Amino acid sequence: KSLDELEILEDGFVAVDDGKIYAAGD
């Protein structure tokens, strides 16, 4: 998310619609 913030989602999701990220999170 920045130089000093690496987001780690142990049980996450990324939703992709027509090549774009529609939603992402835990």
PDB file of all heavy atoms in Angstrom:
ATOM      1  N   LYS A   1       0.835  -1.200   0.000  1.00  0.00           N
ATOM      2  CA  LYS A   1       0.000   0.000   0.000  1.00  0.00           C
ATOM      3  C   LYS A   1       0.867   1.246   0.000  1.00  0.00           C
ATOM      4  O   LYS A   1       0.419   2.332  -0.371  1.00  0.00           O
ATOM      5  CB  LYS A   1      -0.936  -0.022   1.206  1.00  0.00           C
ATOM      6  CG  LYS A   1      -1.866  -1.248   1.211  1.00  0.00           C
ATOM      7  CD  LYS A   1      -2.845  -1.235   2.349  1.00  0.00           C
ATOM      8  CE  LYS A   1      -4.021  -0.323   2.074  1.00  0.00           C
ATOM      9  NZ  LYS A   1      -5.070  -0.432   3.125  1.00  0.00           N
ATOM     10  N   SER A   2       2.120   1.096   0.419  1.00  0.00           N
ATOM     11  CA  SER A   2       3.099   2.175   0.393  1.00  0.00           C
ATOM     12  C   SER A   2       4.468   1.539   0.607  1.00  0.00           C
ATOM     13  O   SER A   2       4.568   0.308   0.780  1.00  0.00           O
ATOM     14  CB  SER A   2       2.819   3.213   1.486  1.00  0.00           C
ATOM     15  OG  SER A   2       3.065   2.651   2.769  1.00  0.00           O
ATOM     16  N   LEU A   3       5.515   2.356   0.629  1.00  0.00           N
ATOM     17  CA  LEU A   3       6.868   1.834   0.841  1.00  0.00           C
ATOM     18  C   LEU A   3       6.958   1.024   2.131  1.00  0.00           C
ATOM     19  O   LEU A   3       7.630  -0.010   2.182  1.00  0.00           O
ATOM     20  CB  LEU A   3       7.868   2.996   0.888  1.00  0.00           C
ATOM     21  CG  LEU A   3       9.318   2.629   1.236  1.00  0.00           C
ATOM     22  CD1 LEU A   3       9.948   1.805   0.131  1.00  0.00           C
ATOM     23  CD2 LEU A   3      10.139   3.894   1.505  1.00  0.00           C
ATOM     24  N   ASP A   4       6.273   1.469   3.163  1.00  0.00           N
ATOM     25  CA  ASP A   4       6.409   0.859   4.480  1.00  0.00           C
ATOM     26  C   ASP A   4       5.185   0.072   4.924  1.00  0.00           C
ATOM     27  O   ASP A   4       5.095  -0.337   6.077  1.00  0.00           O
ATOM     28  CB  ASP A   4       6.730   1.947   5.525  1.00  0.00           C
ATOM     29  CG  ASP A   4       8.081   2.589   5.272  1.00  0.00           C
ATOM     30  OD1 ASP A   4       9.059   1.840   5.108  1.00  0.00           O
ATOM     31  OD2 ASP A   4       8.148   3.831   5.211  1.00  0.00           O
ATOM     32  N   GLU A   5       4.237  -0.139   4.026  1.00  0.00           N
ATOM     33  CA  GLU A   5       3.037  -0.880   4.403  1.00  0.00           C
ATOM     34  C   GLU A   5       2.766  -1.998   3.406  1.00  0.00           C
ATOM     35  O   GLU A   5       2.308  -1.761   2.290  1.00  0.00           O
ATOM     36  CB  GLU A   5       1.814   0.036   4.491  1.00  0.00           C
ATOM     37  CG  GLU A   5       0.584  -0.678   5.027  1.00  0.00           C
ATOM     38  CD  GLU A   5      -0.625   0.220   5.155  1.00  0.00           C
ATOM     39  OE1 GLU A   5      -0.527   1.418   4.788  1.00  0.00           O
ATOM     40  OE2 GLU A   5      -1.680  -0.273   5.611  1.00  0.00           O
ATOM     41  N   LEU A   6       3.081  -3.219   3.829  1.00  0.00           N
ATOM     42  CA  LEU A   6       2.778  -4.414   3.052  1.00  0.00           C
ATOM     43  C   LEU A   6       1.551  -5.055   3.676  1.00  0.00           C
ATOM     44  O   LEU A   6       1.578  -5.515   4.821  1.00  0.00           O
ATOM     45  CB  LEU A   6       3.957  -5.389   3.075  1.00  0.00           C
ATOM     46  CG  LEU A   6       3.801  -6.655   2.224  1.00  0.00           C
ATOM     47  CD1 LEU A   6       3.825  -6.304   0.743  1.00  0.00           C
ATOM     48  CD2 LEU A   6       4.899  -7.664   2.547  1.00  0.00           C
ATOM     49  N   GLU A   7       0.439  -5.067   2.946  1.00  0.00           N
ATOM     50  CA  GLU A   7      -0.796  -5.643   3.486  1.00  0.00           C
ATOM     51  C   GLU A   7      -0.795  -7.148   3.277  1.00  0.00           C
ATOM     52  O   GLU A   7      -0.581  -7.634   2.168  1.00  0.00           O
ATOM     53  CB  GLU A   7      -2.022  -5.018   2.825  1.00  0.00           C
ATOM     54  CG  GLU A   7      -3.321  -5.530   3.437  1.00  0.00           C
ATOM     55  CD  GLU A   7      -4.543  -4.764   2.968  1.00  0.00           C
ATOM     56  OE1 GLU A   7      -4.749  -4.671   1.736  1.00  0.00           O
ATOM     57  OE2 GLU A   7      -5.286  -4.257   3.828  1.00  0.00           O
ATOM     58  N   ILE A   8      -1.036  -7.866   4.369  1.00  0.00           N
ATOM     59  CA  ILE A   8      -1.064  -9.322   4.359  1.00  0.00           C
ATOM     60  C   ILE A   8      -2.478  -9.774   4.685  1.00  0.00           C
ATOM     61  O   ILE A   8      -2.989  -9.509   5.781  1.00  0.00           O
ATOM     62  CB  ILE A   8      -0.105  -9.900   5.431  1.00  0.00           C
ATOM     63  CG1 ILE A   8       1.306  -9.347   5.248  1.00  0.00           C
ATOM     64  CG2 ILE A   8      -0.131 -11.414   5.408  1.00  0.00           C
ATOM     65  CD1 ILE A   8       2.010  -9.847   4.036  1.00  0.00           C
ATOM     66  N   LEU A   9      -3.130 -10.421   3.749  1.00  0.00           N
ATOM     67  CA  LEU A   9      -4.466 -10.963   3.976  1.00  0.00           C
ATOM     68  C   LEU A   9      -4.348 -12.480   4.031  1.00  0.00           C
ATOM     69  O   LEU A   9      -4.158 -13.139   3.007  1.00  0.00           O
ATOM     70  CB  LEU A   9      -5.420 -10.526   2.864  1.00  0.00           C
ATOM     71  CG  LEU A   9      -5.648  -9.010   2.738  1.00  0.00           C
ATOM     72  CD1 LEU A   9      -6.470  -8.705   1.495  1.00  0.00           C
ATOM     73  CD2 LEU A   9      -6.321  -8.462   3.986  1.00  0.00           C
ATOM     74  N   GLU A  10      -4.429 -13.042   5.244  1.00  0.00           N
ATOM     75  CA  GLU A  10      -4.280 -14.485   5.405  1.00  0.00           C
ATOM     76  C   GLU A  10      -5.439 -15.238   4.774  1.00  0.00           C
ATOM     77  O   GLU A  10      -5.274 -16.347   4.261  1.00  0.00           O
ATOM     78  CB  GLU A  10      -4.205 -14.827   6.896  1.00  0.00           C
ATOM     79  CG  GLU A  10      -3.113 -14.085   7.649  1.00  0.00           C
ATOM     80  CD  GLU A  10      -3.441 -13.997   9.134  1.00  0.00           C
ATOM     81  OE1 GLU A  10      -4.088 -14.918   9.656  1.00  0.00           O
ATOM     82  OE2 GLU A  10      -3.057 -12.992   9.752  1.00  0.00           O
ATOM     83  N   ASP A  11      -6.621 -14.633   4.859  1.00  0.00           N
ATOM     84  CA  ASP A  11      -7.818 -15.231   4.260  1.00  0.00           C
ATOM     85  C   ASP A  11      -8.538 -14.117   3.504  1.00  0.00           C
ATOM     86  O   ASP A  11      -9.498 -13.535   3.987  1.00  0.00           O
ATOM     87  CB  ASP A  11      -8.712 -15.822   5.356  1.00  0.00           C
ATOM     88  CG  ASP A  11      -9.859 -16.662   4.783  1.00  0.00           C
ATOM     89  OD1 ASP A  11      -9.811 -16.974   3.566  1.00  0.00           O
ATOM     90  OD2 ASP A  11     -10.789 -16.994   5.535  1.00  0.00           O
ATOM     91  N   GLY A  12      -8.013 -13.820   2.329  1.00  0.00           N
ATOM     92  CA  GLY A  12      -8.506 -12.671   1.586  1.00  0.00           C
ATOM     93  C   GLY A  12      -9.226 -13.044   0.309  1.00  0.00           C
ATOM     94  O   GLY A  12      -9.414 -14.227  -0.008  1.00  0.00           O
ATOM     95  N   PHE A  13      -9.607 -12.024  -0.427  1.00  0.00           N
ATOM     96  CA  PHE A  13     -10.245 -12.255  -1.722  1.00  0.00           C
ATOM     97  C   PHE A  13      -9.922 -11.089  -2.652  1.00  0.00           C
ATOM     98  O   PHE A  13      -9.680  -9.967  -2.217  1.00  0.00           O
ATOM     99  CB  PHE A  13     -11.769 -12.404  -1.578  1.00  0.00           C
ATOM    100  CG  PHE A  13     -12.505 -11.104  -1.395  1.00  0.00           C
ATOM    101  CD1 PHE A  13     -13.021 -10.411  -2.494  1.00  0.00           C
ATOM    102  CD2 PHE A  13     -12.670 -10.548  -0.127  1.00  0.00           C
ATOM    103  CE1 PHE A  13     -13.698  -9.207  -2.337  1.00  0.00           C
ATOM    104  CE2 PHE A  13     -13.341  -9.356   0.040  1.00  0.00           C
ATOM    105  CZ  PHE A  13     -13.857  -8.677  -1.067  1.00  0.00           C
ATOM    106  N   VAL A  14      -9.907 -11.385  -3.948  1.00  0.00           N
ATOM    107  CA  VAL A  14      -9.829 -10.371  -4.997  1.00  0.00           C
ATOM    108  C   VAL A  14     -10.849 -10.759  -6.052  1.00  0.00           C
ATOM    109  O   VAL A  14     -10.791 -11.855  -6.627  1.00  0.00           O
ATOM    110  CB  VAL A  14      -8.425 -10.276  -5.632  1.00  0.00           C
ATOM    111  CG1 VAL A  14      -8.411  -9.225  -6.738  1.00  0.00           C
ATOM    112  CG2 VAL A  14      -7.360  -9.955  -4.584  1.00  0.00           C
ATOM    113  N   ALA A  15     -11.802  -9.866  -6.296  1.00  0.00           N
ATOM    114  CA  ALA A  15     -12.831 -10.100  -7.302  1.00  0.00           C
ATOM    115  C   ALA A  15     -12.479  -9.335  -8.564  1.00  0.00           C
ATOM    116  O   ALA A  15     -12.199  -8.127  -8.514  1.00  0.00           O
ATOM    117  CB  ALA A  15     -14.189  -9.659  -6.772  1.00  0.00           C
ATOM    118  N   VAL A  16     -12.477 -10.036  -9.697  1.00  0.00           N
ATOM    119  CA  VAL A  16     -12.066  -9.458 -10.977  1.00  0.00           C
ATOM    120  C   VAL A  16     -13.226  -9.538 -11.961  1.00  0.00           C
ATOM    121  O   VAL A  16     -13.815 -10.604 -12.164  1.00  0.00           O
ATOM    122  CB  VAL A  16     -10.843 -10.200 -11.555  1.00  0.00           C
ATOM    123  CG1 VAL A  16     -10.415  -9.577 -12.875  1.00  0.00           C
ATOM    124  CG2 VAL A  16      -9.697 -10.201 -10.551  1.00  0.00           C
ATOM    125  N   ASP A  17     -13.548  -8.392 -12.558  1.00  0.00           N
ATOM    126  CA  ASP A  17     -14.636  -8.327 -13.532  1.00  0.00           C
ATOM    127  C   ASP A  17     -14.127  -7.626 -14.779  1.00  0.00           C
ATOM    128  O   ASP A  17     -13.719  -6.460 -14.730  1.00  0.00           O
ATOM    129  CB  ASP A  17     -15.821  -7.564 -12.933  1.00  0.00           C
ATOM    130  CG  ASP A  17     -17.063  -7.597 -13.828  1.00  0.00           C
ATOM    131  OD1 ASP A  17     -16.964  -8.081 -14.973  1.00  0.00           O
ATOM    132  OD2 ASP A  17     -18.124  -7.119 -13.391  1.00  0.00           O
ATOM    133  N   ASP A  18     -14.105  -8.354 -15.897  1.00  0.00           N
ATOM    134  CA  ASP A  18     -13.662  -7.798 -17.178  1.00  0.00           C
ATOM    135  C   ASP A  18     -12.264  -7.193 -17.075  1.00  0.00           C
ATOM    136  O   ASP A  18     -11.991  -6.114 -17.598  1.00  0.00           O
ATOM    137  CB  ASP A  18     -14.663  -6.754 -17.669  1.00  0.00           C
ATOM    138  CG  ASP A  18     -14.456  -6.394 -19.138  1.00  0.00           C
ATOM    139  OD1 ASP A  18     -13.928  -7.241 -19.887  1.00  0.00           O
ATOM    140  OD2 ASP A  18     -14.798  -5.252 -19.518  1.00  0.00           O
ATOM    141  N   GLY A  19     -11.365  -7.896 -16.403  1.00  0.00           N
ATOM    142  CA  GLY A  19      -9.966  -7.493 -16.327  1.00  0.00           C
ATOM    143  C   GLY A  19      -9.634  -6.503 -15.239  1.00  0.00           C
ATOM    144  O   GLY A  19      -8.465  -6.229 -14.989  1.00  0.00           O
ATOM    145  N   LYS A  20     -10.653  -5.949 -14.561  1.00  0.00           N
ATOM    146  CA  LYS A  20     -10.428  -4.963 -13.509  1.00  0.00           C
ATOM    147  C   LYS A  20     -10.793  -5.525 -12.139  1.00  0.00           C
ATOM    148  O   LYS A  20     -11.646  -6.417 -12.018  1.00  0.00           O
ATOM    149  CB  LYS A  20     -11.257  -3.694 -13.762  1.00  0.00           C
ATOM    150  CG  LYS A  20     -10.729  -2.836 -14.885  1.00  0.00           C
ATOM    151  CD  LYS A  20     -11.481  -1.511 -14.940  1.00  0.00           C
ATOM    152  CE  LYS A  20     -10.906  -0.587 -16.012  1.00  0.00           C
ATOM    153  NZ  LYS A  20     -11.612   0.710 -16.040  1.00  0.00           N
ATOM    154  N   ILE A  21     -10.136  -4.987 -11.130  1.00  0.00           N
ATOM    155  CA  ILE A  21     -10.435  -5.388  -9.761  1.00  0.00           C
ATOM    156  C   ILE A  21     -11.722  -4.691  -9.331  1.00  0.00           C
ATOM    157  O   ILE A  21     -11.790  -3.456  -9.287  1.00  0.00           O
ATOM    158  CB  ILE A  21      -9.277  -5.014  -8.823  1.00  0.00           C
ATOM    159  CG1 ILE A  21      -7.995  -5.736  -9.263  1.00  0.00           C
ATOM    160  CG2 ILE A  21      -9.623  -5.364  -7.372  1.00  0.00           C
ATOM    161  CD1 ILE A  21      -6.737  -5.204  -8.627  1.00  0.00           C
ATOM    162  N   TYR A  22     -12.727  -5.497  -9.038  1.00  0.00           N
ATOM    163  CA  TYR A  22     -14.017  -4.945  -8.621  1.00  0.00           C
ATOM    164  C   TYR A  22     -14.025  -4.696  -7.114  1.00  0.00           C
ATOM    165  O   TYR A  22     -14.563  -3.692  -6.636  1.00  0.00           O
ATOM    166  CB  TYR A  22     -15.141  -5.897  -9.010  1.00  0.00           C
ATOM    167  CG  TYR A  22     -16.516  -5.399  -8.632  1.00  0.00           C
ATOM    168  CD1 TYR A  22     -17.156  -4.444  -9.410  1.00  0.00           C
ATOM    169  CD2 TYR A  22     -17.163  -5.881  -7.491  1.00  0.00           C
ATOM    170  CE1 TYR A  22     -18.415  -3.968  -9.062  1.00  0.00           C
ATOM    171  CE2 TYR A  22     -18.414  -5.418  -7.140  1.00  0.00           C
ATOM    172  CZ  TYR A  22     -19.039  -4.456  -7.919  1.00  0.00           C
ATOM    173  OH  TYR A  22     -20.279  -3.984  -7.579  1.00  0.00           O
ATOM    174  N   ALA A  23     -13.447  -5.626  -6.367  1.00  0.00           N
ATOM    175  CA  ALA A  23     -13.380  -5.488  -4.913  1.00  0.00           C
ATOM    176  C   ALA A  23     -12.263  -6.377  -4.400  1.00  0.00           C
ATOM    177  O   ALA A  23     -11.903  -7.374  -5.025  1.00  0.00           O
ATOM    178  CB  ALA A  23     -14.707  -5.878  -4.265  1.00  0.00           C
ATOM    179  N   ALA A  24     -11.713  -6.023  -3.239  1.00  0.00           N
ATOM    180  CA  ALA A  24     -10.660  -6.821  -2.614  1.00  0.00           C
ATOM    181  C   ALA A  24     -10.663  -6.542  -1.120  1.00  0.00           C
ATOM    182  O   ALA A  24     -11.022  -5.448  -0.681  1.00  0.00           O
ATOM    183  CB  ALA A  24      -9.293  -6.487  -3.215  1.00  0.00           C
ATOM    184  N   GLY A  25     -10.284  -7.546  -0.348  1.00  0.00           N
ATOM    185  CA  GLY A  25     -10.229  -7.349   1.089  1.00  0.00           C
ATOM    186  C   GLY A  25     -10.171  -8.657   1.824  1.00  0.00           C
ATOM    187  O   GLY A  25      -9.854  -9.713   1.253  1.00  0.00           O
ATOM    188  N   ASP A  26     -10.468  -8.602   3.126  1.00  0.00           N
ATOM    189  CA  ASP A  26     -10.514  -9.799   3.936  1.00  0.00           C
ATOM    190  C   ASP A  26     -11.807 -10.568   3.619  1.00  0.00           C
ATOM    191  O   ASP A  26     -12.835  -9.973   3.285  1.00  0.00           O
ATOM    192  CB  ASP A  26     -10.475  -9.431   5.419  1.00  0.00           C
ATOM    193  CG  ASP A  26     -10.293 -10.647   6.299  1.00  0.00           C
ATOM    194  OD1 ASP A  26      -9.142 -11.081   6.467  1.00  0.00           O
ATOM    195  OD2 ASP A  26     -11.316 -11.178   6.786  1.00  0.00           O
TER     196      ASP A  26
END
